[in-house]
């Protein structure tokens, strides 16, 4: 097992990405009963699915075992959690049907891709791209409603604003990384490592936004 002294700063950073996930999990669990329903979905999803999955993936990586087969499970779970969060936020029957269609369609695509594509221990950028587009669609619909319907005077005090900003920043950039990751790996291993270091920073930003959203006091 690697020690910190033998790791590059990029590898150390990648191992530290679980720290903000742990912090968000602790905040969510401690404040769970004070949170509105939409943030309860987020808190439970982070603490009881996303963090354990991330911990398992990190443990396998440190044991130098391939953990890419976990990615389809992680992406489906994350999409379902975010779908529940935005379903409880939007409170729209049409949006609910959209979330059901997105999650069902994505699961069907994953099953097809797993059978038709390469072995499950290889990175499949198509799955990440489709998930990213679906999340950005939900975020975009939230921002559209925020501009037209919701009465929010101070955006920085609105928890879902922070959740949506974090998701927008992360997935807008992650789409580019997923699209070009295989090409970059063939072009330059060092450049590929640098790109995934940027991904680690974006991941940390996303969970800092989650922490902010879960920490905000409930509205009176």
C-alpha atoms as a PDB file:
ATOM      1  CA  UNK A   1       0.000   0.000   0.000  1.00  0.00           C
ATOM      2  CA  UNK A   2       1.357   3.393  -0.924  1.00  0.00           C
ATOM      3  CA  UNK A   3       2.561   5.794   1.758  1.00  0.00           C
ATOM      4  CA  UNK A   4       2.171   9.553   1.529  1.00  0.00           C
ATOM      5  CA  UNK A   5       5.933  10.000   1.102  1.00  0.00           C
ATOM      6  CA  UNK A   6       5.871   8.043  -2.144  1.00  0.00           C
ATOM      7  CA  UNK A   7       2.864   9.848  -3.626  1.00  0.00           C
ATOM      8  CA  UNK A   8       2.892  12.872  -5.905  1.00  0.00           C
ATOM      9  CA  UNK A   9       0.871  15.922  -4.898  1.00  0.00           C
ATOM     10  CA  UNK A  10      -1.699  15.008  -7.555  1.00  0.00           C
ATOM     11  CA  UNK A  11      -2.151  11.556  -6.013  1.00  0.00           C
ATOM     12  CA  UNK A  12      -2.430  13.060  -2.525  1.00  0.00           C
ATOM     13  CA  UNK A  13      -5.085  15.493  -3.748  1.00  0.00           C
ATOM     14  CA  UNK A  14      -7.080  12.659  -5.308  1.00  0.00           C
ATOM     15  CA  UNK A  15      -7.048  10.857  -1.965  1.00  0.00           C
ATOM     16  CA  UNK A  16      -8.223  13.989  -0.157  1.00  0.00           C
ATOM     17  CA  UNK A  17     -11.378  14.328  -2.253  1.00  0.00           C
ATOM     18  CA  UNK A  18     -13.290  12.227   0.274  1.00  0.00           C
ATOM     19  CA  UNK A  19     -12.652  14.763   3.059  1.00  0.00           C
ATOM     20  CA  UNK A  20     -15.366  17.241   1.945  1.00  0.00           C
ATOM     21  CA  UNK A  21     -17.688  14.285   1.270  1.00  0.00           C
ATOM     22  CA  UNK A  22     -17.166  13.158   4.874  1.00  0.00           C
ATOM     23  CA  UNK A  23     -17.757  16.711   6.132  1.00  0.00           C
ATOM     24  CA  UNK A  24     -20.974  16.982   4.096  1.00  0.00           C
ATOM     25  CA  UNK A  25     -22.080  13.595   5.467  1.00  0.00           C
ATOM     26  CA  UNK A  26     -21.500  14.672   9.072  1.00  0.00           C
ATOM     27  CA  UNK A  27     -23.285  18.006   8.574  1.00  0.00           C
ATOM     28  CA  UNK A  28     -26.203  16.287   6.872  1.00  0.00           C
ATOM     29  CA  UNK A  29     -26.613  13.662   9.604  1.00  0.00           C
ATOM     30  CA  UNK A  30     -26.333  16.188  12.459  1.00  0.00           C
ATOM     31  CA  UNK A  31     -28.785  18.624  10.875  1.00  0.00           C
ATOM     32  CA  UNK A  32     -31.067  16.057   9.237  1.00  0.00           C
ATOM     33  CA  UNK A  33     -34.196  16.840  11.294  1.00  0.00           C
ATOM     34  CA  UNK A  34     -33.831  20.569  10.611  1.00  0.00           C
ATOM     35  CA  UNK A  35     -33.516  20.159   6.855  1.00  0.00           C
ATOM     36  CA  UNK A  36     -36.370  20.469   4.341  1.00  0.00           C
ATOM     37  CA  UNK A  37     -37.328  17.339   2.416  1.00  0.00           C
ATOM     38  CA  UNK A  38     -35.216  18.123  -0.651  1.00  0.00           C
ATOM     39  CA  UNK A  39     -32.042  18.510   1.401  1.00  0.00           C
ATOM     40  CA  UNK A  40     -32.877  15.408   3.425  1.00  0.00           C
ATOM     41  CA  UNK A  41     -32.626  13.414   0.209  1.00  0.00           C
ATOM     42  CA  UNK A  42     -29.232  15.009  -0.426  1.00  0.00           C
ATOM     43  CA  UNK A  43     -27.979  14.439   3.129  1.00  0.00           C
ATOM     44  CA  UNK A  44     -29.079  10.792   3.184  1.00  0.00           C
ATOM     45  CA  UNK A  45     -27.708  10.143  -0.294  1.00  0.00           C
ATOM     46  CA  UNK A  46     -24.311  11.627   0.494  1.00  0.00           C
ATOM     47  CA  UNK A  47     -23.947   9.958   3.902  1.00  0.00           C
ATOM     48  CA  UNK A  48     -25.289   6.498   3.109  1.00  0.00           C
ATOM     49  CA  UNK A  49     -24.468   5.991  -0.564  1.00  0.00           C
ATOM     50  CA  UNK A  50     -22.024   8.433  -2.147  1.00  0.00           C
ATOM     51  CA  UNK A  51     -19.550   8.489   0.753  1.00  0.00           C
ATOM     52  CA  UNK A  52     -19.468   4.677   1.241  1.00  0.00           C
ATOM     53  CA  UNK A  53     -19.092   4.176  -2.510  1.00  0.00           C
ATOM     54  CA  UNK A  54     -16.271   6.720  -2.635  1.00  0.00           C
ATOM     55  CA  UNK A  55     -14.586   5.076   0.347  1.00  0.00           C
ATOM     56  CA  UNK A  56     -14.821   1.658  -1.312  1.00  0.00           C
ATOM     57  CA  UNK A  57     -13.392   3.039  -4.559  1.00  0.00           C
ATOM     58  CA  UNK A  58     -10.508   4.711  -2.713  1.00  0.00           C
ATOM     59  CA  UNK A  59      -9.731   1.545  -0.750  1.00  0.00           C
ATOM     60  CA  UNK A  60      -9.598  -0.495  -3.948  1.00  0.00           C
ATOM     61  CA  UNK A  61      -7.378   2.106  -5.620  1.00  0.00           C
ATOM     62  CA  UNK A  62      -4.949   2.084  -2.677  1.00  0.00           C
ATOM     63  CA  UNK A  63      -4.829  -1.712  -2.901  1.00  0.00           C
ATOM     64  CA  UNK A  64      -4.063  -1.254  -6.625  1.00  0.00           C
ATOM     65  CA  UNK A  65      -7.246  -2.996  -7.695  1.00  0.00           C
ATOM     66  CA  UNK A  66      -9.402  -1.830 -10.578  1.00  0.00           C
ATOM     67  CA  UNK A  67     -12.451   0.035  -9.268  1.00  0.00           C
ATOM     68  CA  UNK A  68     -13.976   1.221 -12.553  1.00  0.00           C
ATOM     69  CA  UNK A  69     -16.763  -1.371 -12.355  1.00  0.00           C
ATOM     70  CA  UNK A  70     -18.189   0.739  -9.498  1.00  0.00           C
ATOM     71  CA  UNK A  71     -18.742   3.761 -11.739  1.00  0.00           C
ATOM     72  CA  UNK A  72     -22.059   2.653 -13.327  1.00  0.00           C
ATOM     73  CA  UNK A  73     -23.484   1.925  -9.861  1.00  0.00           C
ATOM     74  CA  UNK A  74     -22.224   5.277  -8.582  1.00  0.00           C
ATOM     75  CA  UNK A  75     -23.567   7.269 -11.531  1.00  0.00           C
ATOM     76  CA  UNK A  76     -27.044   5.686 -11.349  1.00  0.00           C
ATOM     77  CA  UNK A  77     -27.196   6.253  -7.594  1.00  0.00           C
ATOM     78  CA  UNK A  78     -26.037   9.849  -7.901  1.00  0.00           C
ATOM     79  CA  UNK A  79     -28.546  10.578 -10.674  1.00  0.00           C
ATOM     80  CA  UNK A  80     -31.378   9.051  -8.620  1.00  0.00           C
ATOM     81  CA  UNK A  81     -30.411  11.070  -5.527  1.00  0.00           C
ATOM     82  CA  UNK A  82     -30.266  14.322  -7.481  1.00  0.00           C
ATOM     83  CA  UNK A  83     -33.539  13.458  -9.192  1.00  0.00           C
ATOM     84  CA  UNK A  84     -35.203  13.089  -5.776  1.00  0.00           C
ATOM     85  CA  UNK A  85     -33.643  16.353  -4.584  1.00  0.00           C
ATOM     86  CA  UNK A  86     -34.948  18.327  -7.551  1.00  0.00           C
ATOM     87  CA  UNK A  87     -38.291  16.493  -7.522  1.00  0.00           C
ATOM     88  CA  UNK A  88     -38.853  17.668  -3.933  1.00  0.00           C
ATOM     89  CA  UNK A  89     -37.672  21.161  -4.882  1.00  0.00           C
ATOM     90  CA  UNK A  90     -39.703  21.678  -8.052  1.00  0.00           C
ATOM     91  CA  UNK A  91     -42.904  19.937  -6.864  1.00  0.00           C
ATOM     92  CA  UNK A  92     -44.108  19.532 -10.412  1.00  0.00           C
ATOM     93  CA  UNK A  93     -45.843  16.481 -11.862  1.00  0.00           C
ATOM     94  CA  UNK A  94     -44.210  17.060 -15.242  1.00  0.00           C
ATOM     95  CA  UNK A  95     -40.800  17.305 -13.636  1.00  0.00           C
ATOM     96  CA  UNK A  96     -41.459  14.093 -11.703  1.00  0.00           C
ATOM     97  CA  UNK A  97     -42.267  12.246 -14.931  1.00  0.00           C
ATOM     98  CA  UNK A  98     -39.117  13.718 -16.467  1.00  0.00           C
ATOM     99  CA  UNK A  99     -36.977  12.407 -13.591  1.00  0.00           C
ATOM    100  CA  UNK A 100     -38.568   8.949 -13.863  1.00  0.00           C
ATOM    101  CA  UNK A 101     -37.940   8.906 -17.617  1.00  0.00           C
ATOM    102  CA  UNK A 102     -34.333  10.075 -17.221  1.00  0.00           C
ATOM    103  CA  UNK A 103     -33.419   7.530 -14.554  1.00  0.00           C
ATOM    104  CA  UNK A 104     -35.214   4.664 -16.325  1.00  0.00           C
ATOM    105  CA  UNK A 105     -33.650   5.533 -19.670  1.00  0.00           C
ATOM    106  CA  UNK A 106     -30.209   5.860 -18.119  1.00  0.00           C
ATOM    107  CA  UNK A 107     -30.451   2.473 -16.409  1.00  0.00           C
ATOM    108  CA  UNK A 108     -31.554   0.893 -19.701  1.00  0.00           C
ATOM    109  CA  UNK A 109     -28.605   2.506 -21.485  1.00  0.00           C
ATOM    110  CA  UNK A 110     -26.164   1.271 -18.822  1.00  0.00           C
ATOM    111  CA  UNK A 111     -27.457  -2.284 -19.165  1.00  0.00           C
ATOM    112  CA  UNK A 112     -27.112  -2.117 -22.936  1.00  0.00           C
ATOM    113  CA  UNK A 113     -23.671  -0.504 -22.771  1.00  0.00           C
ATOM    114  CA  UNK A 114     -22.467  -3.093 -20.264  1.00  0.00           C
ATOM    115  CA  UNK A 115     -23.462  -5.912 -22.609  1.00  0.00           C
ATOM    116  CA  UNK A 116     -22.403  -4.344 -25.908  1.00  0.00           C
ATOM    117  CA  UNK A 117     -19.334  -2.407 -24.795  1.00  0.00           C
ATOM    118  CA  UNK A 118     -15.914  -3.447 -23.497  1.00  0.00           C
ATOM    119  CA  UNK A 119     -15.310  -5.150 -20.161  1.00  0.00           C
ATOM    120  CA  UNK A 120     -16.816  -3.456 -17.065  1.00  0.00           C
ATOM    121  CA  UNK A 121     -13.375  -2.625 -15.645  1.00  0.00           C
ATOM    122  CA  UNK A 122     -12.731  -0.030 -18.379  1.00  0.00           C
ATOM    123  CA  UNK A 123     -13.642   3.656 -18.301  1.00  0.00           C
ATOM    124  CA  UNK A 124     -16.807   4.345 -20.303  1.00  0.00           C
ATOM    125  CA  UNK A 125     -17.002   8.072 -21.074  1.00  0.00           C
ATOM    126  CA  UNK A 126     -20.404   7.760 -22.740  1.00  0.00           C
ATOM    127  CA  UNK A 127     -22.043   6.913 -19.419  1.00  0.00           C
ATOM    128  CA  UNK A 128     -20.471   9.924 -17.720  1.00  0.00           C
ATOM    129  CA  UNK A 129     -21.416  12.283 -20.553  1.00  0.00           C
ATOM    130  CA  UNK A 130     -25.064  11.192 -20.579  1.00  0.00           C
ATOM    131  CA  UNK A 131     -25.325  11.447 -16.801  1.00  0.00           C
ATOM    132  CA  UNK A 132     -23.745  14.905 -16.888  1.00  0.00           C
ATOM    133  CA  UNK A 133     -26.196  16.126 -19.526  1.00  0.00           C
ATOM    134  CA  UNK A 134     -29.146  14.813 -17.510  1.00  0.00           C
ATOM    135  CA  UNK A 135     -27.963  16.541 -14.341  1.00  0.00           C
ATOM    136  CA  UNK A 136     -27.365  19.805 -16.201  1.00  0.00           C
ATOM    137  CA  UNK A 137     -30.892  19.548 -17.630  1.00  0.00           C
ATOM    138  CA  UNK A 138     -32.358  19.335 -14.123  1.00  0.00           C
ATOM    139  CA  UNK A 139     -30.160  22.199 -12.936  1.00  0.00           C
ATOM    140  CA  UNK A 140     -31.158  24.297 -15.941  1.00  0.00           C
ATOM    141  CA  UNK A 141     -34.867  23.725 -15.272  1.00  0.00           C
ATOM    142  CA  UNK A 142     -34.340  24.754 -11.643  1.00  0.00           C
ATOM    143  CA  UNK A 143     -32.571  27.976 -12.648  1.00  0.00           C
ATOM    144  CA  UNK A 144     -35.321  28.687 -15.178  1.00  0.00           C
ATOM    145  CA  UNK A 145     -37.960  28.349 -12.486  1.00  0.00           C
ATOM    146  CA  UNK A 146     -35.841  30.383 -10.087  1.00  0.00           C
ATOM    147  CA  UNK A 147     -35.830  33.261 -12.567  1.00  0.00           C
ATOM    148  CA  UNK A 148     -39.538  33.081 -13.398  1.00  0.00           C
ATOM    149  CA  UNK A 149     -41.463  31.720 -10.418  1.00  0.00           C
ATOM    150  CA  UNK A 150     -39.532  31.433  -7.188  1.00  0.00           C
ATOM    151  CA  UNK A 151     -39.342  34.463  -4.916  1.00  0.00           C
ATOM    152  CA  UNK A 152     -35.776  34.469  -3.593  1.00  0.00           C
ATOM    153  CA  UNK A 153     -34.315  37.778  -2.455  1.00  0.00           C
ATOM    154  CA  UNK A 154     -30.906  36.573  -1.309  1.00  0.00           C
ATOM    155  CA  UNK A 155     -29.562  33.789  -3.474  1.00  0.00           C
ATOM    156  CA  UNK A 156     -26.603  33.123  -1.185  1.00  0.00           C
ATOM    157  CA  UNK A 157     -29.083  32.165   1.552  1.00  0.00           C
ATOM    158  CA  UNK A 158     -30.932  29.693  -0.692  1.00  0.00           C
ATOM    159  CA  UNK A 159     -29.550  26.130  -0.174  1.00  0.00           C
ATOM    160  CA  UNK A 160     -30.647  24.814  -3.575  1.00  0.00           C
ATOM    161  CA  UNK A 161     -28.865  27.698  -5.258  1.00  0.00           C
ATOM    162  CA  UNK A 162     -25.582  26.434  -3.799  1.00  0.00           C
ATOM    163  CA  UNK A 163     -26.371  22.841  -4.754  1.00  0.00           C
ATOM    164  CA  UNK A 164     -27.186  23.902  -8.315  1.00  0.00           C
ATOM    165  CA  UNK A 165     -24.143  26.150  -8.700  1.00  0.00           C
ATOM    166  CA  UNK A 166     -21.867  23.340  -7.525  1.00  0.00           C
ATOM    167  CA  UNK A 167     -23.468  20.858  -9.921  1.00  0.00           C
ATOM    168  CA  UNK A 168     -23.313  23.319 -12.819  1.00  0.00           C
ATOM    169  CA  UNK A 169     -19.606  24.034 -12.300  1.00  0.00           C
ATOM    170  CA  UNK A 170     -18.682  20.390 -11.762  1.00  0.00           C
ATOM    171  CA  UNK A 171     -20.630  18.727 -14.555  1.00  0.00           C
ATOM    172  CA  UNK A 172     -20.001  21.439 -17.152  1.00  0.00           C
ATOM    173  CA  UNK A 173     -16.272  20.812 -16.725  1.00  0.00           C
ATOM    174  CA  UNK A 174     -16.551  17.052 -16.190  1.00  0.00           C
ATOM    175  CA  UNK A 175     -18.268  16.658 -19.555  1.00  0.00           C
ATOM    176  CA  UNK A 176     -15.097  17.904 -21.244  1.00  0.00           C
ATOM    177  CA  UNK A 177     -12.887  15.639 -19.144  1.00  0.00           C
ATOM    178  CA  UNK A 178     -15.005  12.563 -19.863  1.00  0.00           C
ATOM    179  CA  UNK A 179     -15.158  13.295 -23.590  1.00  0.00           C
ATOM    180  CA  UNK A 180     -11.400  13.627 -24.054  1.00  0.00           C
ATOM    181  CA  UNK A 181      -9.996  11.430 -21.257  1.00  0.00           C
ATOM    182  CA  UNK A 182      -9.216   8.382 -23.423  1.00  0.00           C
ATOM    183  CA  UNK A 183      -7.553  10.561 -26.086  1.00  0.00           C
ATOM    184  CA  UNK A 184      -5.487  12.409 -23.466  1.00  0.00           C
ATOM    185  CA  UNK A 185      -4.357   9.114 -21.931  1.00  0.00           C
ATOM    186  CA  UNK A 186      -2.953   8.005 -25.290  1.00  0.00           C
ATOM    187  CA  UNK A 187      -1.457  11.444 -25.947  1.00  0.00           C
ATOM    188  CA  UNK A 188       0.272  12.059 -22.613  1.00  0.00           C
ATOM    189  CA  UNK A 189      -0.019  10.260 -19.288  1.00  0.00           C
ATOM    190  CA  UNK A 190       1.221  13.343 -17.424  1.00  0.00           C
ATOM    191  CA  UNK A 191      -1.338  15.600 -19.101  1.00  0.00           C
ATOM    192  CA  UNK A 192      -4.035  13.043 -18.316  1.00  0.00           C
ATOM    193  CA  UNK A 193      -2.935  13.055 -14.669  1.00  0.00           C
ATOM    194  CA  UNK A 194      -3.087  16.862 -14.595  1.00  0.00           C
ATOM    195  CA  UNK A 195      -6.596  16.836 -16.060  1.00  0.00           C
ATOM    196  CA  UNK A 196      -7.813  14.404 -13.421  1.00  0.00           C
ATOM    197  CA  UNK A 197      -6.187  16.610 -10.783  1.00  0.00           C
ATOM    198  CA  UNK A 198      -8.425  19.418 -12.040  1.00  0.00           C
ATOM    199  CA  UNK A 199     -11.333  16.984 -11.699  1.00  0.00           C
ATOM    200  CA  UNK A 200     -10.385  16.425  -8.058  1.00  0.00           C
ATOM    201  CA  UNK A 201     -10.475  20.184  -7.435  1.00  0.00           C
ATOM    202  CA  UNK A 202     -13.883  20.448  -9.119  1.00  0.00           C
ATOM    203  CA  UNK A 203     -15.152  17.542  -7.016  1.00  0.00           C
ATOM    204  CA  UNK A 204     -14.002  19.307  -3.856  1.00  0.00           C
ATOM    205  CA  UNK A 205     -15.758  22.517  -4.965  1.00  0.00           C
ATOM    206  CA  UNK A 206     -18.979  20.550  -5.548  1.00  0.00           C
ATOM    207  CA  UNK A 207     -18.972  19.103  -2.050  1.00  0.00           C
ATOM    208  CA  UNK A 208     -18.058  22.418  -0.465  1.00  0.00           C
ATOM    209  CA  UNK A 209     -21.226  23.747  -2.112  1.00  0.00           C
ATOM    210  CA  UNK A 210     -23.125  20.794  -0.631  1.00  0.00           C
ATOM    211  CA  UNK A 211     -21.654  21.613   2.788  1.00  0.00           C
ATOM    212  CA  UNK A 212     -22.771  25.223   2.446  1.00  0.00           C
ATOM    213  CA  UNK A 213     -26.291  24.170   1.449  1.00  0.00           C
ATOM    214  CA  UNK A 214     -26.622  21.706   4.332  1.00  0.00           C
ATOM    215  CA  UNK A 215     -25.186  24.180   6.848  1.00  0.00           C
ATOM    216  CA  UNK A 216     -27.515  27.085   6.074  1.00  0.00           C
ATOM    217  CA  UNK A 217     -30.141  27.674   8.798  1.00  0.00           C
ATOM    218  CA  UNK A 218     -33.714  26.679   7.950  1.00  0.00           C
ATOM    219  CA  UNK A 219     -36.037  29.382   6.667  1.00  0.00           C
ATOM    220  CA  UNK A 220     -38.395  30.882   9.208  1.00  0.00           C
END
